[in-house]
Protein backbone atom coordinates (compact mmCIF):
# COMPACT_ATOMS: atom_id res chain seq x y z
CA MET A 1 2.01 -8.58 31.21
CA ALA A 2 1.60 -6.50 28.00
CA ASP A 3 1.46 -3.25 30.19
CA ASP A 4 4.80 -4.03 31.43
CA VAL A 5 6.18 -4.59 28.12
CA PHE A 6 5.01 -1.30 26.74
CA LYS A 7 6.09 0.60 29.84
CA ALA A 8 9.46 -0.99 29.43
CA LEU A 9 9.78 -0.02 25.70
CA ALA A 10 8.52 3.56 26.47
CA ASP A 11 11.90 4.72 27.60
CA PRO A 12 14.58 5.33 25.06
CA THR A 13 17.38 4.19 27.33
CA ARG A 14 15.78 0.76 27.81
CA ARG A 15 15.35 0.60 23.97
CA ARG A 16 18.97 1.22 23.68
CA ILE A 17 20.05 -1.35 26.19
CA LEU A 18 17.70 -3.97 24.20
CA ASP A 19 19.54 -2.83 20.95
CA GLU A 20 22.82 -3.60 22.64
CA LEU A 21 21.49 -6.95 23.77
CA THR A 22 20.60 -7.71 20.20
CA ASP A 23 24.12 -6.90 19.12
CA ARG A 24 25.62 -9.13 21.76
CA ASN A 25 23.69 -11.14 24.07
CA GLY A 26 24.76 -12.32 27.58
CA GLN A 27 26.43 -9.08 28.78
CA THR A 28 27.18 -8.04 32.28
CA LEU A 29 26.04 -4.85 33.84
CA PHE A 30 29.72 -3.48 33.36
CA GLU A 31 29.70 -4.41 29.69
CA ILE A 32 26.29 -2.76 29.05
CA CYS A 33 27.28 0.44 30.83
CA GLY A 34 30.48 0.49 28.69
CA ARG A 35 28.65 0.12 25.40
CA LEU A 36 25.99 2.90 26.44
CA VAL A 37 28.76 5.39 26.98
CA ALA A 38 30.84 4.33 23.90
CA LYS A 39 28.16 3.94 21.32
CA HIS A 40 25.44 6.29 22.61
CA GLY A 41 27.33 8.89 24.83
CA LEU A 42 25.06 7.97 27.87
CA GLY A 43 27.03 8.51 30.89
CA LEU A 44 24.66 6.75 33.28
CA SER A 45 25.53 5.29 36.69
CA ARG A 46 25.58 1.55 37.17
CA GLN A 47 22.72 1.93 39.53
CA ALA A 48 20.60 3.64 37.00
CA VAL A 49 21.49 1.07 34.49
CA SER A 50 20.61 -1.64 36.95
CA GLN A 51 17.16 -0.02 37.75
CA HIS A 52 16.46 -0.06 33.69
CA LEU A 53 17.38 -3.70 33.66
CA ALA A 54 15.09 -4.45 36.55
CA VAL A 55 12.21 -2.89 34.53
CA LEU A 56 13.12 -4.99 31.37
CA GLU A 57 13.41 -8.13 33.51
CA THR A 58 9.96 -7.49 35.16
CA ALA A 59 8.38 -7.18 31.77
CA GLY A 60 10.06 -10.42 30.74
CA LEU A 61 12.25 -8.86 27.95
CA LEU A 62 15.39 -10.10 29.56
CA VAL A 63 16.46 -12.97 31.66
CA THR A 64 19.55 -13.12 33.99
CA ARG A 65 21.77 -15.96 34.64
CA ARG A 66 24.69 -16.20 37.19
CA GLU A 67 28.00 -17.77 36.48
CA GLY A 68 30.26 -17.62 39.58
CA ARG A 69 30.30 -13.98 40.57
CA TYR A 70 29.09 -12.58 37.26
CA LYS A 71 25.34 -11.96 36.26
CA PHE A 72 24.77 -12.12 32.51
CA HIS A 73 21.69 -10.42 30.76
CA ASP A 74 20.08 -12.22 27.87
CA LEU A 75 17.47 -10.82 25.55
CA ASN A 76 14.02 -12.75 25.51
CA THR A 77 11.74 -11.85 22.70
CA ASP A 78 8.81 -13.97 23.77
CA PRO A 79 6.71 -10.97 25.15
CA LEU A 80 7.20 -9.09 21.89
CA GLU A 81 6.22 -12.20 19.86
CA HIS A 82 3.12 -12.44 21.99
CA ILE A 83 2.09 -8.84 21.23
CA VAL A 84 2.80 -9.02 17.50
CA THR A 85 0.58 -12.07 17.14
CA ARG A 86 -2.07 -10.49 19.22
CA TRP A 87 -2.63 -7.79 16.63
CA LEU A 88 -1.17 -9.18 13.43
CA GLY A 89 -2.47 -12.87 13.74
CA PRO A 90 -0.59 -15.72 12.79
CA LYS A 91 1.57 -15.53 9.67
CA THR A 92 -0.03 -16.90 6.64
CA SER A 93 1.36 -17.70 3.31
CA LYS A 94 -1.65 -16.51 1.28
CA ALA A 95 -0.91 -13.58 -1.15
CA PRO A 96 -3.11 -10.41 -0.51
CA GLN A 97 -6.01 -10.31 -2.77
CA THR A 98 -6.33 -7.47 -5.09
CA PRO A 99 -9.68 -6.41 -6.38
CA GLN A 100 -10.07 -6.97 -10.22
CA THR A 101 -10.99 -4.25 -12.56
CA PRO A 102 -14.08 -4.92 -14.53
CA GLN A 103 -13.40 -5.10 -18.29
CA THR A 104 -15.43 -2.55 -20.57
CA PRO A 105 -16.35 -3.29 -24.07
CA GLU A 106 -13.71 -0.98 -25.34
CA SER A 107 -10.89 -2.88 -23.57
CA THR A 108 -11.72 -6.31 -24.79
CA PRO A 109 -9.84 -7.62 -27.82
């Protein structure tokens, strides 16, 4: 599954789509295409954007829901959280330890 996430994130267009879903979740294909043109100057066809969305969905980075004849796309950050905890481990509240400097006789009062 992590391989799918990295493959999905490797493409700058897919990263821009994720950025747009971060700005406003629950967009239709039409809305995503419009935002990519307006904000990024990307004049991709709806079919091309749809293929990018399919890769993101396969990686688990977005989920879709249907309401009537509309299909909405929602960001899912769970795969990213899994990767982060894999390498960074769980967050702890411990402050990082710094090595103490040994005192020399000249530095003592």
